[in-house]
Amino acid sequence: MLSAIIVAAGQGLRLKADVPKPLVKIGRRPVIIYSLSILNKHPDIDEIVVVLNAENQRQIVKAIKNHSFKKIKSFILGGKRRQDSVYNGLKEVSANTDWVLIHDSARPFIDSKSITEVIEAAKRTGAAILGVPVKATIKSIKSGGMVDITLDRSNLWEIQTPQVFKKELILRAYKEYSNRNVTDDASLVEKLGKKVKIVPGSYENIKITTQEDLLFAQAIVERNR
């Protein structure tokens, strides 16, 4: 059994929107509805847990219930940090779940093919994530804004969600390293010494963080339409 956790518990402060980020509309639909629609239709996903915060819970649940997402198991509250929210989601999935897919609701343009490929990779290796090669030149800087070193971008990838893990593996990682601050779930698995497989994703799988991202998102929707 495979359970999906969609994380929508962040405050979205950098977006500076009048409504919670998951409810900001791109085209005719709220951000969260895009990814929920794909996850709900995917044949490998058996249930979905949606993680919200206390401030946006009522609005988002209402918006989601306007759609027929039959795979949603529950709506739960997250925690202070993203990783606290994911951990709450992990504790909510069904007891007989073998695999867990974790996705940020702020990435509306995930596609079914990428989901299939990252799931298949995880089932071969135990842990797999989506990513794309970095296009830009990346420099590490010291205090004061001075360049320390220019990194070799041929080995650098921008990491995305969804990320898929054996349930016992990701639970162990969260239990052992819940006190560490990380920006993605795979980082905790890596701390266990477990290798994580990167699956090529799509440059369209953008994360909505600022108003500029909404402009790119609108362009994607209009082109696909």
C-alpha atoms as a PDB file:
ATOM      1  CA  MET A   1       0.000   0.000   0.000  1.00  0.00           C
ATOM      2  CA  LEU A   2       1.216   3.502  -0.840  1.00  0.00           C
ATOM      3  CA  SER A   3       0.109   6.618   1.044  1.00  0.00           C
ATOM      4  CA  ALA A   4       0.614  10.193  -0.145  1.00  0.00           C
ATOM      5  CA  ILE A   5       1.150  13.087   2.243  1.00  0.00           C
ATOM      6  CA  ILE A   6       0.533  16.537   0.795  1.00  0.00           C
ATOM      7  CA  VAL A   7       1.956  19.318   2.930  1.00  0.00           C
ATOM      8  CA  ALA A   8      -0.023  22.574   2.990  1.00  0.00           C
ATOM      9  CA  ALA A   9       0.720  23.805   6.513  1.00  0.00           C
ATOM     10  CA  GLY A  10       3.157  26.617   5.741  1.00  0.00           C
ATOM     11  CA  GLN A  11       2.369  30.280   6.312  1.00  0.00           C
ATOM     12  CA  GLY A  12       3.338  31.378   2.799  1.00  0.00           C
ATOM     13  CA  LEU A  13       4.598  34.740   4.092  1.00  0.00           C
ATOM     14  CA  ARG A  14       6.942  35.414   1.152  1.00  0.00           C
ATOM     15  CA  LEU A  15       4.063  35.164  -1.314  1.00  0.00           C
ATOM     16  CA  LYS A  16       2.285  38.119   0.340  1.00  0.00           C
ATOM     17  CA  ALA A  17      -1.132  36.957  -0.836  1.00  0.00           C
ATOM     18  CA  ASP A  18      -4.561  37.835   0.553  1.00  0.00           C
ATOM     19  CA  VAL A  19      -5.507  34.158   0.937  1.00  0.00           C
ATOM     20  CA  PRO A  20      -3.559  31.090   2.138  1.00  0.00           C
ATOM     21  CA  LYS A  21      -0.994  30.038  -0.491  1.00  0.00           C
ATOM     22  CA  PRO A  22      -2.706  26.683  -1.245  1.00  0.00           C
ATOM     23  CA  LEU A  23      -5.830  28.659  -2.209  1.00  0.00           C
ATOM     24  CA  VAL A  24      -4.156  31.213  -4.470  1.00  0.00           C
ATOM     25  CA  LYS A  25      -5.613  30.706  -7.925  1.00  0.00           C
ATOM     26  CA  ILE A  26      -3.579  29.883 -11.005  1.00  0.00           C
ATOM     27  CA  GLY A  27      -5.959  30.172 -13.894  1.00  0.00           C
ATOM     28  CA  ARG A  28      -9.297  28.936 -12.582  1.00  0.00           C
ATOM     29  CA  ARG A  29      -8.083  26.604  -9.836  1.00  0.00           C
ATOM     30  CA  PRO A  30      -6.401  26.979  -6.436  1.00  0.00           C
ATOM     31  CA  VAL A  31      -2.774  25.857  -6.204  1.00  0.00           C
ATOM     32  CA  ILE A  32      -3.491  22.795  -4.046  1.00  0.00           C
ATOM     33  CA  ILE A  33      -6.174  21.437  -6.393  1.00  0.00           C
ATOM     34  CA  TYR A  34      -3.659  20.887  -9.207  1.00  0.00           C
ATOM     35  CA  SER A  35      -1.466  18.412  -7.333  1.00  0.00           C
ATOM     36  CA  LEU A  36      -4.381  16.812  -5.485  1.00  0.00           C
ATOM     37  CA  SER A  37      -6.051  16.065  -8.822  1.00  0.00           C
ATOM     38  CA  ILE A  38      -2.969  14.252 -10.126  1.00  0.00           C
ATOM     39  CA  LEU A  39      -2.344  12.327  -6.910  1.00  0.00           C
ATOM     40  CA  ASN A  40      -5.998  11.329  -6.612  1.00  0.00           C
ATOM     41  CA  LYS A  41      -6.018   9.889 -10.145  1.00  0.00           C
ATOM     42  CA  HIS A  42      -2.706   8.047  -9.933  1.00  0.00           C
ATOM     43  CA  PRO A  43      -3.223   4.253  -9.852  1.00  0.00           C
ATOM     44  CA  ASP A  44      -0.324   3.577  -7.470  1.00  0.00           C
ATOM     45  CA  ILE A  45      -1.627   5.878  -4.725  1.00  0.00           C
ATOM     46  CA  ASP A  46      -4.108   4.334  -2.306  1.00  0.00           C
ATOM     47  CA  GLU A  47      -4.768   7.171   0.139  1.00  0.00           C
ATOM     48  CA  ILE A  48      -3.940  10.837   0.696  1.00  0.00           C
ATOM     49  CA  VAL A  49      -3.332  12.663   3.971  1.00  0.00           C
ATOM     50  CA  VAL A  50      -3.567  16.462   3.747  1.00  0.00           C
ATOM     51  CA  VAL A  51      -1.584  18.423   6.348  1.00  0.00           C
ATOM     52  CA  LEU A  52      -2.848  21.929   7.139  1.00  0.00           C
ATOM     53  CA  ASN A  53      -2.364  24.618   9.771  1.00  0.00           C
ATOM     54  CA  ALA A  54      -4.958  25.917  12.198  1.00  0.00           C
ATOM     55  CA  GLU A  55      -5.335  29.224  10.358  1.00  0.00           C
ATOM     56  CA  ASN A  56      -5.955  27.823   6.872  1.00  0.00           C
ATOM     57  CA  GLN A  57      -7.657  24.538   7.770  1.00  0.00           C
ATOM     58  CA  ARG A  58     -11.300  25.547   7.414  1.00  0.00           C
ATOM     59  CA  GLN A  59     -10.840  27.429   4.129  1.00  0.00           C
ATOM     60  CA  ILE A  60      -8.782  24.717   2.472  1.00  0.00           C
ATOM     61  CA  VAL A  61     -10.992  21.824   3.580  1.00  0.00           C
ATOM     62  CA  LYS A  62     -13.995  23.671   2.180  1.00  0.00           C
ATOM     63  CA  ALA A  63     -12.261  24.256  -1.156  1.00  0.00           C
ATOM     64  CA  ILE A  64     -11.110  20.644  -1.438  1.00  0.00           C
ATOM     65  CA  LYS A  65     -14.536  19.237  -0.614  1.00  0.00           C
ATOM     66  CA  ASN A  66     -15.894  20.971  -3.702  1.00  0.00           C
ATOM     67  CA  HIS A  67     -14.036  18.291  -5.689  1.00  0.00           C
ATOM     68  CA  SER A  68     -14.486  14.526  -5.719  1.00  0.00           C
ATOM     69  CA  PHE A  69     -11.164  13.391  -4.281  1.00  0.00           C
ATOM     70  CA  LYS A  70     -12.119   9.924  -3.102  1.00  0.00           C
ATOM     71  CA  LYS A  71      -8.626   8.949  -1.926  1.00  0.00           C
ATOM     72  CA  ILE A  72      -8.360  11.583   0.811  1.00  0.00           C
ATOM     73  CA  LYS A  73      -8.115   9.726   4.123  1.00  0.00           C
ATOM     74  CA  SER A  74      -7.953  12.687   6.477  1.00  0.00           C
ATOM     75  CA  PHE A  75      -7.103  16.325   7.077  1.00  0.00           C
ATOM     76  CA  ILE A  76      -4.715  16.899   9.973  1.00  0.00           C
ATOM     77  CA  LEU A  77      -2.850  19.781  11.564  1.00  0.00           C
ATOM     78  CA  GLY A  78       0.855  20.252  11.001  1.00  0.00           C
ATOM     79  CA  GLY A  79       3.554  21.610  13.270  1.00  0.00           C
ATOM     80  CA  LYS A  80       5.842  24.605  13.619  1.00  0.00           C
ATOM     81  CA  ARG A  81       8.329  23.438  10.978  1.00  0.00           C
ATOM     82  CA  ARG A  82       7.721  21.684   7.670  1.00  0.00           C
ATOM     83  CA  GLN A  83       9.370  18.538   9.028  1.00  0.00           C
ATOM     84  CA  ASP A  84       7.034  18.600  12.047  1.00  0.00           C
ATOM     85  CA  SER A  85       4.091  18.702   9.648  1.00  0.00           C
ATOM     86  CA  VAL A  86       5.430  15.781   7.633  1.00  0.00           C
ATOM     87  CA  TYR A  87       6.000  13.779  10.814  1.00  0.00           C
ATOM     88  CA  ASN A  88       2.380  14.351  11.826  1.00  0.00           C
ATOM     89  CA  GLY A  89       1.372  13.083   8.400  1.00  0.00           C
ATOM     90  CA  LEU A  90       3.551   9.997   8.741  1.00  0.00           C
ATOM     91  CA  LYS A  91       1.847   9.111  12.005  1.00  0.00           C
ATOM     92  CA  GLU A  92      -1.544   9.440  10.302  1.00  0.00           C
ATOM     93  CA  VAL A  93      -1.061   7.062   7.348  1.00  0.00           C
ATOM     94  CA  SER A  94      -2.680   3.637   7.544  1.00  0.00           C
ATOM     95  CA  ALA A  95      -0.933   0.956   9.571  1.00  0.00           C
ATOM     96  CA  ASN A  96      -0.592  -1.347   6.555  1.00  0.00           C
ATOM     97  CA  THR A  97       1.122   1.309   4.417  1.00  0.00           C
ATOM     98  CA  ASP A  98       4.419   0.098   2.947  1.00  0.00           C
ATOM     99  CA  TRP A  99       5.460   3.199   0.989  1.00  0.00           C
ATOM    100  CA  VAL A 100       5.038   6.921   1.577  1.00  0.00           C
ATOM    101  CA  LEU A 101       5.036   9.690  -1.031  1.00  0.00           C
ATOM    102  CA  ILE A 102       5.575  13.220   0.323  1.00  0.00           C
ATOM    103  CA  HIS A 103       4.661  16.242  -1.779  1.00  0.00           C
ATOM    104  CA  ASP A 104       4.518  20.006  -1.211  1.00  0.00           C
ATOM    105  CA  SER A 105       1.189  21.522  -2.187  1.00  0.00           C
ATOM    106  CA  ALA A 106       3.132  24.554  -3.420  1.00  0.00           C
ATOM    107  CA  ARG A 107       4.300  22.474  -6.421  1.00  0.00           C
ATOM    108  CA  PRO A 108       1.128  22.360  -8.533  1.00  0.00           C
ATOM    109  CA  PHE A 109       2.553  21.017 -11.799  1.00  0.00           C
ATOM    110  CA  ILE A 110       3.652  17.505 -10.901  1.00  0.00           C
ATOM    111  CA  ASP A 111       2.816  15.005 -13.651  1.00  0.00           C
ATOM    112  CA  SER A 112       1.720  11.392 -13.547  1.00  0.00           C
ATOM    113  CA  LYS A 113       4.773  10.093 -15.412  1.00  0.00           C
ATOM    114  CA  SER A 114       7.195  11.603 -12.901  1.00  0.00           C
ATOM    115  CA  ILE A 115       5.167  10.187 -10.017  1.00  0.00           C
ATOM    116  CA  THR A 116       5.315   6.714 -11.546  1.00  0.00           C
ATOM    117  CA  GLU A 117       9.048   6.934 -12.146  1.00  0.00           C
ATOM    118  CA  VAL A 118       9.931   8.130  -8.639  1.00  0.00           C
ATOM    119  CA  ILE A 119       7.733   5.435  -7.090  1.00  0.00           C
ATOM    120  CA  GLU A 120       9.352   2.725  -9.200  1.00  0.00           C
ATOM    121  CA  ALA A 121      12.838   3.989  -8.283  1.00  0.00           C
ATOM    122  CA  ALA A 122      11.966   3.998  -4.581  1.00  0.00           C
ATOM    123  CA  LYS A 123      10.698   0.429  -4.759  1.00  0.00           C
ATOM    124  CA  ARG A 124      14.070  -0.614  -6.185  1.00  0.00           C
ATOM    125  CA  THR A 125      16.224   1.365  -3.756  1.00  0.00           C
ATOM    126  CA  GLY A 126      14.108   2.245  -0.713  1.00  0.00           C
ATOM    127  CA  ALA A 127      14.315   6.017  -1.251  1.00  0.00           C
ATOM    128  CA  ALA A 128      13.929   8.185  -4.363  1.00  0.00           C
ATOM    129  CA  ILE A 129      13.411  11.866  -5.101  1.00  0.00           C
ATOM    130  CA  LEU A 130      12.769  14.074  -8.107  1.00  0.00           C
ATOM    131  CA  GLY A 131      15.246  16.702  -9.238  1.00  0.00           C
ATOM    132  CA  VAL A 132      16.616  18.640 -12.187  1.00  0.00           C
ATOM    133  CA  PRO A 133      20.198  19.640 -13.049  1.00  0.00           C
ATOM    134  CA  VAL A 134      21.084  23.167 -11.953  1.00  0.00           C
ATOM    135  CA  LYS A 135      21.272  25.570 -14.903  1.00  0.00           C
ATOM    136  CA  ALA A 136      22.871  28.587 -13.258  1.00  0.00           C
ATOM    137  CA  THR A 137      26.411  29.091 -11.981  1.00  0.00           C
ATOM    138  CA  ILE A 138      26.419  28.604  -8.188  1.00  0.00           C
ATOM    139  CA  LYS A 139      28.894  30.313  -5.875  1.00  0.00           C
ATOM    140  CA  SER A 140      29.468  29.769  -2.153  1.00  0.00           C
ATOM    141  CA  ILE A 141      30.097  33.006  -0.285  1.00  0.00           C
ATOM    142  CA  LYS A 142      31.703  33.976   3.017  1.00  0.00           C
ATOM    143  CA  SER A 143      30.470  36.524   5.524  1.00  0.00           C
ATOM    144  CA  GLY A 144      30.587  39.994   4.045  1.00  0.00           C
ATOM    145  CA  GLY A 145      29.339  38.776   0.687  1.00  0.00           C
ATOM    146  CA  MET A 146      32.708  37.760  -0.702  1.00  0.00           C
ATOM    147  CA  VAL A 147      32.915  34.747  -3.012  1.00  0.00           C
ATOM    148  CA  ASP A 148      34.493  31.705  -1.388  1.00  0.00           C
ATOM    149  CA  ILE A 149      34.315  29.200  -4.236  1.00  0.00           C
ATOM    150  CA  THR A 150      32.497  28.556  -7.502  1.00  0.00           C
ATOM    151  CA  LEU A 151      30.859  25.139  -7.363  1.00  0.00           C
ATOM    152  CA  ASP A 152      30.963  22.596 -10.177  1.00  0.00           C
ATOM    153  CA  ARG A 153      27.379  22.677 -11.399  1.00  0.00           C
ATOM    154  CA  SER A 154      27.782  19.421 -13.333  1.00  0.00           C
ATOM    155  CA  ASN A 155      27.213  17.630 -10.019  1.00  0.00           C
ATOM    156  CA  LEU A 156      24.501  19.932  -8.661  1.00  0.00           C
ATOM    157  CA  TRP A 157      20.785  19.184  -8.818  1.00  0.00           C
ATOM    158  CA  GLU A 158      17.788  21.207  -7.675  1.00  0.00           C
ATOM    159  CA  ILE A 159      15.639  18.875  -5.606  1.00  0.00           C
ATOM    160  CA  GLN A 160      11.854  18.706  -5.908  1.00  0.00           C
ATOM    161  CA  THR A 161       8.915  16.780  -4.517  1.00  0.00           C
ATOM    162  CA  PRO A 162       7.360  14.268  -4.530  1.00  0.00           C
ATOM    163  CA  GLN A 163       9.839  12.149  -2.614  1.00  0.00           C
ATOM    164  CA  VAL A 164       9.078   8.484  -1.964  1.00  0.00           C
ATOM    165  CA  PHE A 165      10.373   6.239   0.816  1.00  0.00           C
ATOM    166  CA  LYS A 166       9.886   2.874   2.438  1.00  0.00           C
ATOM    167  CA  LYS A 167       7.665   3.749   5.394  1.00  0.00           C
ATOM    168  CA  GLU A 168       9.844   2.136   8.028  1.00  0.00           C
ATOM    169  CA  LEU A 169      12.874   3.987   6.648  1.00  0.00           C
ATOM    170  CA  ILE A 170      11.376   7.490   6.661  1.00  0.00           C
ATOM    171  CA  LEU A 171       9.801   6.918  10.073  1.00  0.00           C
ATOM    172  CA  ARG A 172      13.145   5.846  11.491  1.00  0.00           C
ATOM    173  CA  ALA A 173      14.793   8.926   9.998  1.00  0.00           C
ATOM    174  CA  TYR A 174      12.206  11.228  11.562  1.00  0.00           C
ATOM    175  CA  LYS A 175      12.385   9.531  14.953  1.00  0.00           C
ATOM    176  CA  GLU A 176      16.182   9.706  15.108  1.00  0.00           C
ATOM    177  CA  TYR A 177      16.716  13.169  13.637  1.00  0.00           C
ATOM    178  CA  SER A 178      13.539  15.110  14.392  1.00  0.00           C
ATOM    179  CA  ASN A 179      15.615  17.730  16.220  1.00  0.00           C
ATOM    180  CA  ARG A 180      17.609  18.602  13.073  1.00  0.00           C
ATOM    181  CA  ASN A 181      16.501  21.447  10.831  1.00  0.00           C
ATOM    182  CA  VAL A 182      16.334  20.311   7.202  1.00  0.00           C
ATOM    183  CA  THR A 183      14.647  21.550   4.042  1.00  0.00           C
ATOM    184  CA  ASP A 184      13.612  18.207   2.558  1.00  0.00           C
ATOM    185  CA  ASP A 185      12.748  14.732   3.788  1.00  0.00           C
ATOM    186  CA  ALA A 186      15.583  12.986   1.961  1.00  0.00           C
ATOM    187  CA  SER A 187      18.104  14.918   4.066  1.00  0.00           C
ATOM    188  CA  LEU A 188      16.978  12.990   7.141  1.00  0.00           C
ATOM    189  CA  VAL A 189      17.233   9.662   5.326  1.00  0.00           C
ATOM    190  CA  GLU A 190      20.738  10.589   4.199  1.00  0.00           C
ATOM    191  CA  LYS A 191      21.710  11.114   7.858  1.00  0.00           C
ATOM    192  CA  LEU A 192      20.969   7.411   8.395  1.00  0.00           C
ATOM    193  CA  GLY A 193      23.664   6.618   5.822  1.00  0.00           C
ATOM    194  CA  LYS A 194      21.048   5.525   3.282  1.00  0.00           C
ATOM    195  CA  LYS A 195      21.654   6.302  -0.396  1.00  0.00           C
ATOM    196  CA  VAL A 196      18.862   8.219  -2.116  1.00  0.00           C
ATOM    197  CA  LYS A 197      18.156   7.821  -5.827  1.00  0.00           C
ATOM    198  CA  ILE A 198      17.552  10.979  -7.890  1.00  0.00           C
ATOM    199  CA  VAL A 199      15.027  10.658 -10.709  1.00  0.00           C
ATOM    200  CA  PRO A 200      15.029  13.357 -13.426  1.00  0.00           C
ATOM    201  CA  GLY A 201      11.968  15.556 -12.984  1.00  0.00           C
ATOM    202  CA  SER A 202      10.604  18.509 -14.921  1.00  0.00           C
ATOM    203  CA  TYR A 203      11.622  22.169 -14.911  1.00  0.00           C
ATOM    204  CA  GLU A 204       7.898  22.938 -14.883  1.00  0.00           C
ATOM    205  CA  ASN A 205       7.582  21.378 -11.426  1.00  0.00           C
ATOM    206  CA  ILE A 206       8.158  24.788  -9.859  1.00  0.00           C
ATOM    207  CA  LYS A 207       7.516  25.746  -6.259  1.00  0.00           C
ATOM    208  CA  ILE A 208       5.230  28.712  -5.663  1.00  0.00           C
ATOM    209  CA  THR A 209       7.070  30.933  -3.186  1.00  0.00           C
ATOM    210  CA  THR A 210       6.921  34.531  -4.452  1.00  0.00           C
ATOM    211  CA  GLN A 211       4.734  36.627  -6.728  1.00  0.00           C
ATOM    212  CA  GLU A 212       7.247  36.069  -9.537  1.00  0.00           C
ATOM    213  CA  ASP A 213       6.584  32.337  -9.312  1.00  0.00           C
ATOM    214  CA  LEU A 214       2.885  33.006  -9.877  1.00  0.00           C
ATOM    215  CA  LEU A 215       3.743  34.714 -13.162  1.00  0.00           C
ATOM    216  CA  PHE A 216       5.649  31.625 -14.323  1.00  0.00           C
ATOM    217  CA  ALA A 217       2.825  29.380 -13.126  1.00  0.00           C
ATOM    218  CA  GLN A 218       0.222  31.375 -15.039  1.00  0.00           C
ATOM    219  CA  ALA A 219       2.334  31.094 -18.187  1.00  0.00           C
ATOM    220  CA  ILE A 220       2.516  27.300 -17.774  1.00  0.00           C
ATOM    221  CA  VAL A 221      -1.255  27.040 -17.352  1.00  0.00           C
ATOM    222  CA  GLU A 222      -1.974  29.219 -20.366  1.00  0.00           C
ATOM    223  CA  ARG A 223       0.445  27.293 -22.571  1.00  0.00           C
ATOM    224  CA  ASN A 224      -0.960  23.923 -21.532  1.00  0.00           C
ATOM    225  CA  ARG A 225      -4.498  25.166 -22.028  1.00  0.00           C
END
